[in-house]
Full PDB file with SEQRES, HELIX, SHEET, SSBOND, CRYST1, ORIGX, SCALE, CONECT and MASTER records, all heavy atoms in Angstrom:
SEQRES   1 A   36  GLU GLN PHE LYS ILE THR SER SER TYR LYS PHE GLU GLU          
SEQRES   2 A   36  SER LEU LYS LYS PHE LYS LEU ASP ARG GLU LYS VAL ARG          
SEQRES   3 A   36  GLN ASN ILE LEU LYS HIS ILE GLU SER LYS                      
HELIX    1 AA1 TYR A    9  PHE A   18  1                                  10    
HELIX    2 AA2 ARG A   22  SER A   35  1                                  14    
CRYST1    1.000    1.000    1.000  90.00  90.00  90.00 P 1           1          
ORIGX1      1.000000  0.000000  0.000000        0.00000                         
ORIGX2      0.000000  1.000000  0.000000        0.00000                         
ORIGX3      0.000000  0.000000  1.000000        0.00000                         
SCALE1      1.000000  0.000000  0.000000        0.00000                         
SCALE2      0.000000  1.000000  0.000000        0.00000                         
SCALE3      0.000000  0.000000  1.000000        0.00000                         
ATOM      1  N   GLU A   1      -1.538  15.970   8.469  1.00  0.00           N  
ATOM      2  CA  GLU A   1      -0.563  14.887   8.620  1.00  0.00           C  
ATOM      3  C   GLU A   1       0.131  14.601   7.296  1.00  0.00           C  
ATOM      4  O   GLU A   1      -0.491  14.630   6.243  1.00  0.00           O  
ATOM      5  CB  GLU A   1      -1.257  13.608   9.091  1.00  0.00           C  
ATOM      6  CG  GLU A   1      -1.972  13.720  10.404  1.00  0.00           C  
ATOM      7  CD  GLU A   1      -1.068  13.749  11.609  1.00  0.00           C  
ATOM      8  OE1 GLU A   1       0.045  13.217  11.550  1.00  0.00           O  
ATOM      9  OE2 GLU A   1      -1.486  14.331  12.614  1.00  0.00           O  
ATOM     10  N   GLN A   2       1.419  14.309   7.382  1.00  0.00           N  
ATOM     11  CA  GLN A   2       2.162  13.833   6.227  1.00  0.00           C  
ATOM     12  C   GLN A   2       2.377  12.336   6.418  1.00  0.00           C  
ATOM     13  O   GLN A   2       2.579  11.875   7.534  1.00  0.00           O  
ATOM     14  CB  GLN A   2       3.504  14.541   6.122  1.00  0.00           C  
ATOM     15  CG  GLN A   2       3.381  15.999   5.798  1.00  0.00           C  
ATOM     16  CD  GLN A   2       4.754  16.633   5.635  1.00  0.00           C  
ATOM     17  OE1 GLN A   2       5.773  15.972   5.698  1.00  0.00           O  
ATOM     18  NE2 GLN A   2       4.762  17.926   5.418  1.00  0.00           N  
ATOM     19  N   PHE A   3       2.334  11.595   5.322  1.00  0.00           N  
ATOM     20  CA  PHE A   3       2.471  10.153   5.393  1.00  0.00           C  
ATOM     21  C   PHE A   3       3.669   9.687   4.587  1.00  0.00           C  
ATOM     22  O   PHE A   3       3.873  10.118   3.461  1.00  0.00           O  
ATOM     23  CB  PHE A   3       1.210   9.467   4.847  1.00  0.00           C  
ATOM     24  CG  PHE A   3      -0.018   9.765   5.652  1.00  0.00           C  
ATOM     25  CD1 PHE A   3      -0.836  10.839   5.333  1.00  0.00           C  
ATOM     26  CD2 PHE A   3      -0.348   8.980   6.739  1.00  0.00           C  
ATOM     27  CE1 PHE A   3      -1.960  11.120   6.071  1.00  0.00           C  
ATOM     28  CE2 PHE A   3      -1.474   9.253   7.489  1.00  0.00           C  
ATOM     29  CZ  PHE A   3      -2.285  10.326   7.162  1.00  0.00           C  
ATOM     30  N   LYS A   4       4.447   8.796   5.189  1.00  0.00           N  
ATOM     31  CA  LYS A   4       5.557   8.168   4.486  1.00  0.00           C  
ATOM     32  C   LYS A   4       5.289   6.663   4.489  1.00  0.00           C  
ATOM     33  O   LYS A   4       5.136   6.048   5.544  1.00  0.00           O  
ATOM     34  CB  LYS A   4       6.885   8.453   5.182  1.00  0.00           C  
ATOM     35  CG  LYS A   4       8.043   7.744   4.508  1.00  0.00           C  
ATOM     36  CD  LYS A   4       9.333   7.941   5.254  1.00  0.00           C  
ATOM     37  CE  LYS A   4      10.429   7.170   4.541  1.00  0.00           C  
ATOM     38  NZ  LYS A   4      11.671   7.166   5.300  1.00  0.00           N  
ATOM     39  N   ILE A   5       5.193   6.083   3.286  1.00  0.00           N  
ATOM     40  CA  ILE A   5       4.911   4.651   3.175  1.00  0.00           C  
ATOM     41  C   ILE A   5       6.142   3.935   2.638  1.00  0.00           C  
ATOM     42  O   ILE A   5       6.696   4.320   1.616  1.00  0.00           O  
ATOM     43  CB  ILE A   5       3.718   4.382   2.234  1.00  0.00           C  
ATOM     44  CG1 ILE A   5       2.450   5.031   2.777  1.00  0.00           C  
ATOM     45  CG2 ILE A   5       3.513   2.885   2.062  1.00  0.00           C  
ATOM     46  CD1 ILE A   5       1.239   4.824   1.909  1.00  0.00           C  
ATOM     47  N   THR A   6       6.543   2.899   3.348  1.00  0.00           N  
ATOM     48  CA  THR A   6       7.584   1.999   2.866  1.00  0.00           C  
ATOM     49  C   THR A   6       6.966   0.621   2.750  1.00  0.00           C  
ATOM     50  O   THR A   6       5.931   0.335   3.356  1.00  0.00           O  
ATOM     51  CB  THR A   6       8.798   1.945   3.820  1.00  0.00           C  
ATOM     52  OG1 THR A   6       8.361   1.461   5.093  1.00  0.00           O  
ATOM     53  CG2 THR A   6       9.437   3.313   3.975  1.00  0.00           C  
ATOM     54  N   SER A   7       7.588  -0.250   1.965  1.00  0.00           N  
ATOM     55  CA  SER A   7       7.042  -1.598   1.819  1.00  0.00           C  
ATOM     56  C   SER A   7       8.160  -2.627   1.828  1.00  0.00           C  
ATOM     57  O   SER A   7       9.271  -2.363   1.377  1.00  0.00           O  
ATOM     58  CB  SER A   7       6.218  -1.724   0.536  1.00  0.00           C  
ATOM     59  OG  SER A   7       6.985  -1.358  -0.576  1.00  0.00           O  
ATOM     60  N   SER A   8       7.842  -3.790   2.346  1.00  0.00           N  
ATOM     61  CA  SER A   8       8.812  -4.877   2.432  1.00  0.00           C  
ATOM     62  C   SER A   8       8.932  -5.587   1.082  1.00  0.00           C  
ATOM     63  O   SER A   8       8.084  -5.444   0.199  1.00  0.00           O  
ATOM     64  CB  SER A   8       8.377  -5.880   3.498  1.00  0.00           C  
ATOM     65  OG  SER A   8       7.209  -6.565   3.074  1.00  0.00           O  
ATOM     66  N   TYR A   9       9.975  -6.365   0.960  1.00  0.00           N  
ATOM     67  CA  TYR A   9      10.176  -7.185  -0.240  1.00  0.00           C  
ATOM     68  C   TYR A   9       8.984  -8.131  -0.431  1.00  0.00           C  
ATOM     69  O   TYR A   9       8.471  -8.282  -1.539  1.00  0.00           O  
ATOM     70  CB  TYR A   9      11.487  -7.966  -0.115  1.00  0.00           C  
ATOM     71  CG  TYR A   9      11.732  -8.905  -1.271  1.00  0.00           C  
ATOM     72  CD1 TYR A   9      12.231  -8.414  -2.478  1.00  0.00           C  
ATOM     73  CD2 TYR A   9      11.467 -10.268  -1.166  1.00  0.00           C  
ATOM     74  CE1 TYR A   9      12.449  -9.268  -3.553  1.00  0.00           C  
ATOM     75  CE2 TYR A   9      11.683 -11.123  -2.233  1.00  0.00           C  
ATOM     76  CZ  TYR A   9      12.176 -10.623  -3.426  1.00  0.00           C  
ATOM     77  OH  TYR A   9      12.381 -11.467  -4.477  1.00  0.00           O  
ATOM     78  N   LYS A  10       8.536  -8.721   0.669  1.00  0.00           N  
ATOM     79  CA  LYS A  10       7.390  -9.648   0.625  1.00  0.00           C  
ATOM     80  C   LYS A  10       6.136  -8.936   0.104  1.00  0.00           C  
ATOM     81  O   LYS A  10       5.379  -9.495  -0.697  1.00  0.00           O  
ATOM     82  CB  LYS A  10       7.142 -10.220   2.021  1.00  0.00           C  
ATOM     83  CG  LYS A  10       5.997 -11.183   2.103  1.00  0.00           C  
ATOM     84  CD  LYS A  10       5.829 -11.697   3.523  1.00  0.00           C  
ATOM     85  CE  LYS A  10       4.617 -12.586   3.632  1.00  0.00           C  
ATOM     86  NZ  LYS A  10       4.384 -13.045   4.997  1.00  0.00           N  
ATOM     87  N   PHE A  11       5.920  -7.712   0.542  1.00  0.00           N  
ATOM     88  CA  PHE A  11       4.775  -6.927   0.096  1.00  0.00           C  
ATOM     89  C   PHE A  11       4.854  -6.668  -1.403  1.00  0.00           C  
ATOM     90  O   PHE A  11       3.881  -6.857  -2.140  1.00  0.00           O  
ATOM     91  CB  PHE A  11       4.715  -5.604   0.866  1.00  0.00           C  
ATOM     92  CG  PHE A  11       3.465  -4.813   0.640  1.00  0.00           C  
ATOM     93  CD1 PHE A  11       2.340  -5.038   1.409  1.00  0.00           C  
ATOM     94  CD2 PHE A  11       3.404  -3.839  -0.341  1.00  0.00           C  
ATOM     95  CE1 PHE A  11       1.173  -4.308   1.209  1.00  0.00           C  
ATOM     96  CE2 PHE A  11       2.249  -3.101  -0.558  1.00  0.00           C  
ATOM     97  CZ  PHE A  11       1.130  -3.344   0.217  1.00  0.00           C  
ATOM     98  N   GLU A  12       6.040  -6.271  -1.870  1.00  0.00           N  
ATOM     99  CA  GLU A  12       6.241  -5.996  -3.296  1.00  0.00           C  
ATOM    100  C   GLU A  12       6.032  -7.253  -4.137  1.00  0.00           C  
ATOM    101  O   GLU A  12       5.427  -7.200  -5.217  1.00  0.00           O  
ATOM    102  CB  GLU A  12       7.647  -5.425  -3.537  1.00  0.00           C  
ATOM    103  CG  GLU A  12       7.864  -4.055  -2.939  1.00  0.00           C  
ATOM    104  CD  GLU A  12       6.987  -2.978  -3.559  1.00  0.00           C  
ATOM    105  OE1 GLU A  12       6.733  -3.043  -4.773  1.00  0.00           O  
ATOM    106  OE2 GLU A  12       6.555  -2.084  -2.819  1.00  0.00           O  
ATOM    107  N   GLU A  13       6.515  -8.373  -3.658  1.00  0.00           N  
ATOM    108  CA  GLU A  13       6.332  -9.637  -4.374  1.00  0.00           C  
ATOM    109  C   GLU A  13       4.855 -10.027  -4.429  1.00  0.00           C  
ATOM    110  O   GLU A  13       4.381 -10.537  -5.441  1.00  0.00           O  
ATOM    111  CB  GLU A  13       7.156 -10.751  -3.718  1.00  0.00           C  
ATOM    112  CG  GLU A  13       8.647 -10.609  -3.942  1.00  0.00           C  
ATOM    113  CD  GLU A  13       9.021 -10.644  -5.418  1.00  0.00           C  
ATOM    114  OE1 GLU A  13       8.659 -11.609  -6.108  1.00  0.00           O  
ATOM    115  OE2 GLU A  13       9.676  -9.672  -5.879  1.00  0.00           O  
ATOM    116  N   SER A  14       4.128  -9.778  -3.351  1.00  0.00           N  
ATOM    117  CA  SER A  14       2.692 -10.084  -3.332  1.00  0.00           C  
ATOM    118  C   SER A  14       1.920  -9.193  -4.300  1.00  0.00           C  
ATOM    119  O   SER A  14       0.960  -9.645  -4.935  1.00  0.00           O  
ATOM    120  CB  SER A  14       2.131  -9.932  -1.921  1.00  0.00           C  
ATOM    121  OG  SER A  14       2.669 -10.902  -1.066  1.00  0.00           O  
ATOM    122  N   LEU A  15       2.320  -7.912  -4.414  1.00  0.00           N  
ATOM    123  CA  LEU A  15       1.688  -7.025  -5.398  1.00  0.00           C  
ATOM    124  C   LEU A  15       1.791  -7.617  -6.800  1.00  0.00           C  
ATOM    125  O   LEU A  15       0.820  -7.636  -7.556  1.00  0.00           O  
ATOM    126  CB  LEU A  15       2.361  -5.646  -5.398  1.00  0.00           C  
ATOM    127  CG  LEU A  15       1.940  -4.636  -4.355  1.00  0.00           C  
ATOM    128  CD1 LEU A  15       2.813  -3.393  -4.445  1.00  0.00           C  
ATOM    129  CD2 LEU A  15       0.479  -4.258  -4.494  1.00  0.00           C  
ATOM    130  N   LYS A  16       2.988  -8.116  -7.127  1.00  0.00           N  
ATOM    131  CA  LYS A  16       3.210  -8.728  -8.445  1.00  0.00           C  
ATOM    132  C   LYS A  16       2.437 -10.038  -8.581  1.00  0.00           C  
ATOM    133  O   LYS A  16       1.793 -10.284  -9.602  1.00  0.00           O  
ATOM    134  CB  LYS A  16       4.700  -8.988  -8.659  1.00  0.00           C  
ATOM    135  CG  LYS A  16       5.529  -7.737  -8.777  1.00  0.00           C  
ATOM    136  CD  LYS A  16       7.004  -8.083  -8.874  1.00  0.00           C  
ATOM    137  CE  LYS A  16       7.876  -6.869  -8.698  1.00  0.00           C  
ATOM    138  NZ  LYS A  16       9.294  -7.222  -8.584  1.00  0.00           N  
ATOM    139  N   LYS A  17       2.526 -10.874  -7.564  1.00  0.00           N  
ATOM    140  CA  LYS A  17       1.874 -12.193  -7.593  1.00  0.00           C  
ATOM    141  C   LYS A  17       0.367 -12.066  -7.818  1.00  0.00           C  
ATOM    142  O   LYS A  17      -0.217 -12.793  -8.618  1.00  0.00           O  
ATOM    143  CB  LYS A  17       2.149 -12.925  -6.281  1.00  0.00           C  
ATOM    144  CG  LYS A  17       1.449 -14.251  -6.137  1.00  0.00           C  
ATOM    145  CD  LYS A  17       1.729 -14.868  -4.784  1.00  0.00           C  
ATOM    146  CE  LYS A  17       0.893 -16.106  -4.558  1.00  0.00           C  
ATOM    147  NZ  LYS A  17       1.071 -16.634  -3.199  1.00  0.00           N  
ATOM    148  N   PHE A  18      -0.273 -11.141  -7.081  1.00  0.00           N  
ATOM    149  CA  PHE A  18      -1.718 -10.979  -7.182  1.00  0.00           C  
ATOM    150  C   PHE A  18      -2.120  -9.976  -8.268  1.00  0.00           C  
ATOM    151  O   PHE A  18      -3.304  -9.727  -8.474  1.00  0.00           O  
ATOM    152  CB  PHE A  18      -2.300 -10.552  -5.831  1.00  0.00           C  
ATOM    153  CG  PHE A  18      -2.065 -11.536  -4.720  1.00  0.00           C  
ATOM    154  CD1 PHE A  18      -1.548 -11.127  -3.502  1.00  0.00           C  
ATOM    155  CD2 PHE A  18      -2.358 -12.881  -4.882  1.00  0.00           C  
ATOM    156  CE1 PHE A  18      -1.336 -12.016  -2.468  1.00  0.00           C  
ATOM    157  CE2 PHE A  18      -2.145 -13.782  -3.855  1.00  0.00           C  
ATOM    158  CZ  PHE A  18      -1.634 -13.351  -2.647  1.00  0.00           C  
ATOM    159  N   LYS A  19      -1.114  -9.376  -8.940  1.00  0.00           N  
ATOM    160  CA  LYS A  19      -1.349  -8.407 -10.011  1.00  0.00           C  
ATOM    161  C   LYS A  19      -2.251  -7.255  -9.557  1.00  0.00           C  
ATOM    162  O   LYS A  19      -3.236  -6.909 -10.207  1.00  0.00           O  
ATOM    163  CB  LYS A  19      -1.928  -9.101 -11.241  1.00  0.00           C  
ATOM    164  CG  LYS A  19      -0.986 -10.146 -11.800  1.00  0.00           C  
ATOM    165  CD  LYS A  19      -1.581 -10.873 -12.964  1.00  0.00           C  
ATOM    166  CE  LYS A  19      -0.580 -11.926 -13.431  1.00  0.00           C  
ATOM    167  NZ  LYS A  19      -1.148 -12.949 -14.234  1.00  0.00           N  
ATOM    168  N   LEU A  20      -1.886  -6.668  -8.422  1.00  0.00           N  
ATOM    169  CA  LEU A  20      -2.663  -5.574  -7.850  1.00  0.00           C  
ATOM    170  C   LEU A  20      -2.107  -4.226  -8.303  1.00  0.00           C  
ATOM    171  O   LEU A  20      -0.916  -4.082  -8.550  1.00  0.00           O  
ATOM    172  CB  LEU A  20      -2.639  -5.651  -6.322  1.00  0.00           C  
ATOM    173  CG  LEU A  20      -3.216  -6.928  -5.717  1.00  0.00           C  
ATOM    174  CD1 LEU A  20      -3.069  -6.907  -4.199  1.00  0.00           C  
ATOM    175  CD2 LEU A  20      -4.674  -7.104  -6.105  1.00  0.00           C  
ATOM    176  N   ASP A  21      -2.996  -3.258  -8.382  1.00  0.00           N  
ATOM    177  CA  ASP A  21      -2.633  -1.898  -8.764  1.00  0.00           C  
ATOM    178  C   ASP A  21      -1.973  -1.207  -7.565  1.00  0.00           C  
ATOM    179  O   ASP A  21      -2.614  -0.962  -6.547  1.00  0.00           O  
ATOM    180  CB  ASP A  21      -3.893  -1.148  -9.193  1.00  0.00           C  
ATOM    181  CG  ASP A  21      -3.610   0.249  -9.686  1.00  0.00           C  
ATOM    182  OD1 ASP A  21      -2.921   1.017  -8.971  1.00  0.00           O  
ATOM    183  OD2 ASP A  21      -4.089   0.590 -10.778  1.00  0.00           O  
ATOM    184  N   ARG A  22      -0.685  -0.902  -7.696  1.00  0.00           N  
ATOM    185  CA  ARG A  22       0.094  -0.317  -6.601  1.00  0.00           C  
ATOM    186  C   ARG A  22      -0.545   0.965  -6.056  1.00  0.00           C  
ATOM    187  O   ARG A  22      -0.625   1.157  -4.845  1.00  0.00           O  
ATOM    188  CB  ARG A  22       1.513  -0.035  -7.067  1.00  0.00           C  
ATOM    189  CG  ARG A  22       2.402   0.620  -6.019  1.00  0.00           C  
ATOM    190  CD  ARG A  22       3.778   0.961  -6.558  1.00  0.00           C  
ATOM    191  NE  ARG A  22       4.413  -0.158  -7.214  1.00  0.00           N  
ATOM    192  CZ  ARG A  22       5.007  -1.174  -6.589  1.00  0.00           C  
ATOM    193  NH1 ARG A  22       5.042  -1.185  -5.278  1.00  0.00           N  
ATOM    194  NH2 ARG A  22       5.559  -2.156  -7.277  1.00  0.00           N  
ATOM    195  N   GLU A  23      -0.995   1.857  -6.939  1.00  0.00           N  
ATOM    196  CA  GLU A  23      -1.553   3.131  -6.487  1.00  0.00           C  
ATOM    197  C   GLU A  23      -2.883   2.932  -5.752  1.00  0.00           C  
ATOM    198  O   GLU A  23      -3.141   3.592  -4.746  1.00  0.00           O  
ATOM    199  CB  GLU A  23      -1.727   4.092  -7.664  1.00  0.00           C  
ATOM    200  CG  GLU A  23      -2.110   5.492  -7.259  1.00  0.00           C  
ATOM    201  CD  GLU A  23      -1.156   6.159  -6.271  1.00  0.00           C  
ATOM    202  OE1 GLU A  23       0.059   5.866  -6.277  1.00  0.00           O  
ATOM    203  OE2 GLU A  23      -1.638   6.994  -5.469  1.00  0.00           O  
ATOM    204  N   LYS A  24      -3.715   2.021  -6.219  1.00  0.00           N  
ATOM    205  CA  LYS A  24      -4.984   1.737  -5.533  1.00  0.00           C  
ATOM    206  C   LYS A  24      -4.727   1.145  -4.157  1.00  0.00           C  
ATOM    207  O   LYS A  24      -5.414   1.478  -3.184  1.00  0.00           O  
ATOM    208  CB  LYS A  24      -5.842   0.780  -6.357  1.00  0.00           C  
ATOM    209  CG  LYS A  24      -6.454   1.411  -7.582  1.00  0.00           C  
ATOM    210  CD  LYS A  24      -7.305   0.409  -8.327  1.00  0.00           C  
ATOM    211  CE  LYS A  24      -7.871   0.978  -9.604  1.00  0.00           C  
ATOM    212  NZ  LYS A  24      -8.627  -0.029 -10.366  1.00  0.00           N  
ATOM    213  N   VAL A  25      -3.742   0.262  -4.063  1.00  0.00           N  
ATOM    214  CA  VAL A  25      -3.383  -0.335  -2.773  1.00  0.00           C  
ATOM    215  C   VAL A  25      -2.881   0.754  -1.834  1.00  0.00           C  
ATOM    216  O   VAL A  25      -3.280   0.827  -0.672  1.00  0.00           O  
ATOM    217  CB  VAL A  25      -2.317  -1.447  -2.959  1.00  0.00           C  
ATOM    218  CG1 VAL A  25      -1.700  -1.849  -1.640  1.00  0.00           C  
ATOM    219  CG2 VAL A  25      -2.933  -2.653  -3.653  1.00  0.00           C  
ATOM    220  N   ARG A  26      -2.026   1.617  -2.339  1.00  0.00           N  
ATOM    221  CA  ARG A  26      -1.473   2.721  -1.534  1.00  0.00           C  
ATOM    222  C   ARG A  26      -2.595   3.626  -1.021  1.00  0.00           C  
ATOM    223  O   ARG A  26      -2.626   3.995   0.153  1.00  0.00           O  
ATOM    224  CB  ARG A  26      -0.485   3.511  -2.389  1.00  0.00           C  
ATOM    225  CG  ARG A  26       0.197   4.641  -1.676  1.00  0.00           C  
ATOM    226  CD  ARG A  26       1.176   5.360  -2.645  1.00  0.00           C  
ATOM    227  NE  ARG A  26       1.788   6.487  -2.026  1.00  0.00           N  
ATOM    228  CZ  ARG A  26       1.213   7.684  -1.841  1.00  0.00           C  
ATOM    229  NH1 ARG A  26      -0.007   7.884  -2.271  1.00  0.00           N  
ATOM    230  NH2 ARG A  26       1.859   8.660  -1.247  1.00  0.00           N  
ATOM    231  N   GLN A  27      -3.521   3.990  -1.899  1.00  0.00           N  
ATOM    232  CA  GLN A  27      -4.637   4.855  -1.506  1.00  0.00           C  
ATOM    233  C   GLN A  27      -5.532   4.171  -0.465  1.00  0.00           C  
ATOM    234  O   GLN A  27      -6.025   4.827   0.457  1.00  0.00           O  
ATOM    235  CB  GLN A  27      -5.466   5.260  -2.733  1.00  0.00           C  
ATOM    236  CG  GLN A  27      -4.756   6.235  -3.641  1.00  0.00           C  
ATOM    237  CD  GLN A  27      -4.344   7.509  -2.942  1.00  0.00           C  
ATOM    238  OE1 GLN A  27      -5.082   8.065  -2.144  1.00  0.00           O  
ATOM    239  NE2 GLN A  27      -3.138   7.971  -3.240  1.00  0.00           N  
ATOM    240  N   ASN A  28      -5.717   2.867  -0.606  1.00  0.00           N  
ATOM    241  CA  ASN A  28      -6.518   2.122   0.363  1.00  0.00           C  
ATOM    242  C   ASN A  28      -5.870   2.176   1.748  1.00  0.00           C  
ATOM    243  O   ASN A  28      -6.550   2.412   2.749  1.00  0.00           O  
ATOM    244  CB  ASN A  28      -6.669   0.670  -0.091  1.00  0.00           C  
ATOM    245  CG  ASN A  28      -7.423  -0.169   0.912  1.00  0.00           C  
ATOM    246  OD1 ASN A  28      -6.835  -0.669   1.858  1.00  0.00           O  
ATOM    247  ND2 ASN A  28      -8.715  -0.320   0.704  1.00  0.00           N  
ATOM    248  N   ILE A  29      -4.560   1.964   1.796  1.00  0.00           N  
ATOM    249  CA  ILE A  29      -3.843   2.002   3.078  1.00  0.00           C  
ATOM    250  C   ILE A  29      -3.933   3.403   3.682  1.00  0.00           C  
ATOM    251  O   ILE A  29      -4.235   3.559   4.872  1.00  0.00           O  
ATOM    252  CB  ILE A  29      -2.373   1.565   2.904  1.00  0.00           C  
ATOM    253  CG1 ILE A  29      -2.312   0.074   2.561  1.00  0.00           C  
ATOM    254  CG2 ILE A  29      -1.556   1.867   4.162  1.00  0.00           C  
ATOM    255  CD1 ILE A  29      -0.938  -0.420   2.156  1.00  0.00           C  
ATOM    256  N   LEU A  30      -3.691   4.436   2.878  1.00  0.00           N  
ATOM    257  CA  LEU A  30      -3.759   5.813   3.383  1.00  0.00           C  
ATOM    258  C   LEU A  30      -5.144   6.146   3.934  1.00  0.00           C  
ATOM    259  O   LEU A  30      -5.272   6.726   5.014  1.00  0.00           O  
ATOM    260  CB  LEU A  30      -3.391   6.805   2.283  1.00  0.00           C  
ATOM    261  CG  LEU A  30      -1.921   6.880   1.921  1.00  0.00           C  
ATOM    262  CD1 LEU A  30      -1.719   7.782   0.709  1.00  0.00           C  
ATOM    263  CD2 LEU A  30      -1.095   7.369   3.087  1.00  0.00           C  
ATOM    264  N   LYS A  31      -6.177   5.771   3.200  1.00  0.00           N  
ATOM    265  CA  LYS A  31      -7.548   6.036   3.640  1.00  0.00           C  
ATOM    266  C   LYS A  31      -7.838   5.331   4.959  1.00  0.00           C  
ATOM    267  O   LYS A  31      -8.444   5.901   5.873  1.00  0.00           O  
ATOM    268  CB  LYS A  31      -8.533   5.585   2.553  1.00  0.00           C  
ATOM    269  CG  LYS A  31      -9.963   5.903   2.843  1.00  0.00           C  
ATOM    270  CD  LYS A  31     -10.849   5.489   1.684  1.00  0.00           C  
ATOM    271  CE  LYS A  31     -12.306   5.721   2.015  1.00  0.00           C  
ATOM    272  NZ  LYS A  31     -13.188   5.273   0.933  1.00  0.00           N  
ATOM    273  N   HIS A  32      -7.383   4.088   5.066  1.00  0.00           N  
ATOM    274  CA  HIS A  32      -7.602   3.307   6.293  1.00  0.00           C  
ATOM    275  C   HIS A  32      -6.889   3.961   7.479  1.00  0.00           C  
ATOM    276  O   HIS A  32      -7.482   4.134   8.544  1.00  0.00           O  
ATOM    277  CB  HIS A  32      -7.118   1.869   6.093  1.00  0.00           C  
ATOM    278  CG  HIS A  32      -7.311   1.015   7.293  1.00  0.00           C  
ATOM    279  ND1 HIS A  32      -8.536   0.501   7.653  1.00  0.00           N  
ATOM    280  CD2 HIS A  32      -6.432   0.587   8.234  1.00  0.00           C  
ATOM    281  CE1 HIS A  32      -8.401  -0.203   8.756  1.00  0.00           C  
ATOM    282  NE2 HIS A  32      -7.133  -0.172   9.131  1.00  0.00           N  
ATOM    283  N   ILE A  33      -5.630   4.333   7.303  1.00  0.00           N  
ATOM    284  CA  ILE A  33      -4.853   4.946   8.387  1.00  0.00           C  
ATOM    285  C   ILE A  33      -5.436   6.304   8.769  1.00  0.00           C  
ATOM    286  O   ILE A  33      -5.561   6.620   9.960  1.00  0.00           O  
ATOM    287  CB  ILE A  33      -3.361   5.089   8.001  1.00  0.00           C  
ATOM    288  CG1 ILE A  33      -2.729   3.714   7.740  1.00  0.00           C  
ATOM    289  CG2 ILE A  33      -2.587   5.857   9.072  1.00  0.00           C  
ATOM    290  CD1 ILE A  33      -2.750   2.744   8.886  1.00  0.00           C  
ATOM    291  N   GLU A  34      -5.829   7.100   7.783  1.00  0.00           N  
ATOM    292  CA  GLU A  34      -6.431   8.406   8.075  1.00  0.00           C  
ATOM    293  C   GLU A  34      -7.694   8.255   8.922  1.00  0.00           C  
ATOM    294  O   GLU A  34      -7.945   9.069   9.810  1.00  0.00           O  
ATOM    295  CB  GLU A  34      -6.751   9.152   6.782  1.00  0.00           C  
ATOM    296  CG  GLU A  34      -5.527   9.726   6.103  1.00  0.00           C  
ATOM    297  CD  GLU A  34      -5.842  10.376   4.764  1.00  0.00           C  
ATOM    298  OE1 GLU A  34      -6.864  10.015   4.122  1.00  0.00           O  
ATOM    299  OE2 GLU A  34      -5.048  11.241   4.353  1.00  0.00           O  
ATOM    300  N   SER A  35      -8.460   7.208   8.682  1.00  0.00           N  
ATOM    301  CA  SER A  35      -9.692   6.995   9.455  1.00  0.00           C  
ATOM    302  C   SER A  35      -9.404   6.574  10.896  1.00  0.00           C  
ATOM    303  O   SER A  35     -10.275   6.668  11.751  1.00  0.00           O  
ATOM    304  CB  SER A  35     -10.577   5.950   8.772  1.00  0.00           C  
ATOM    305  OG  SER A  35     -10.043   4.652   8.932  1.00  0.00           O  
ATOM    306  N   LYS A  36      -8.180   6.119  11.165  1.00  0.00           N  
ATOM    307  CA  LYS A  36      -7.809   5.644  12.507  1.00  0.00           C  
ATOM    308  C   LYS A  36      -6.875   6.597  13.249  1.00  0.00           C  
ATOM    309  O   LYS A  36      -6.438   6.285  14.353  1.00  0.00           O  
ATOM    310  CB  LYS A  36      -7.112   4.275  12.402  1.00  0.00           C  
ATOM    311  CG  LYS A  36      -7.892   3.213  11.677  1.00  0.00           C  
ATOM    312  CD  LYS A  36      -9.093   2.783  12.471  1.00  0.00           C  
ATOM    313  CE  LYS A  36      -9.828   1.663  11.755  1.00  0.00           C  
ATOM    314  NZ  LYS A  36     -11.034   1.283  12.435  1.00  0.00           N  
TER     315      LYS A  36                                                      
MASTER        0    0    0    2    0    0    0    6  314    1    0    3          
END                                                                             
């Protein structure tokens, strides 16, 4: 499977607000989707 991830403005703002690592968040989402 190939994965294409897009994100909303709200999502991007939350990444900044909570000071989260974008790549770790991306990998978490990919791992979760792959398991489902």
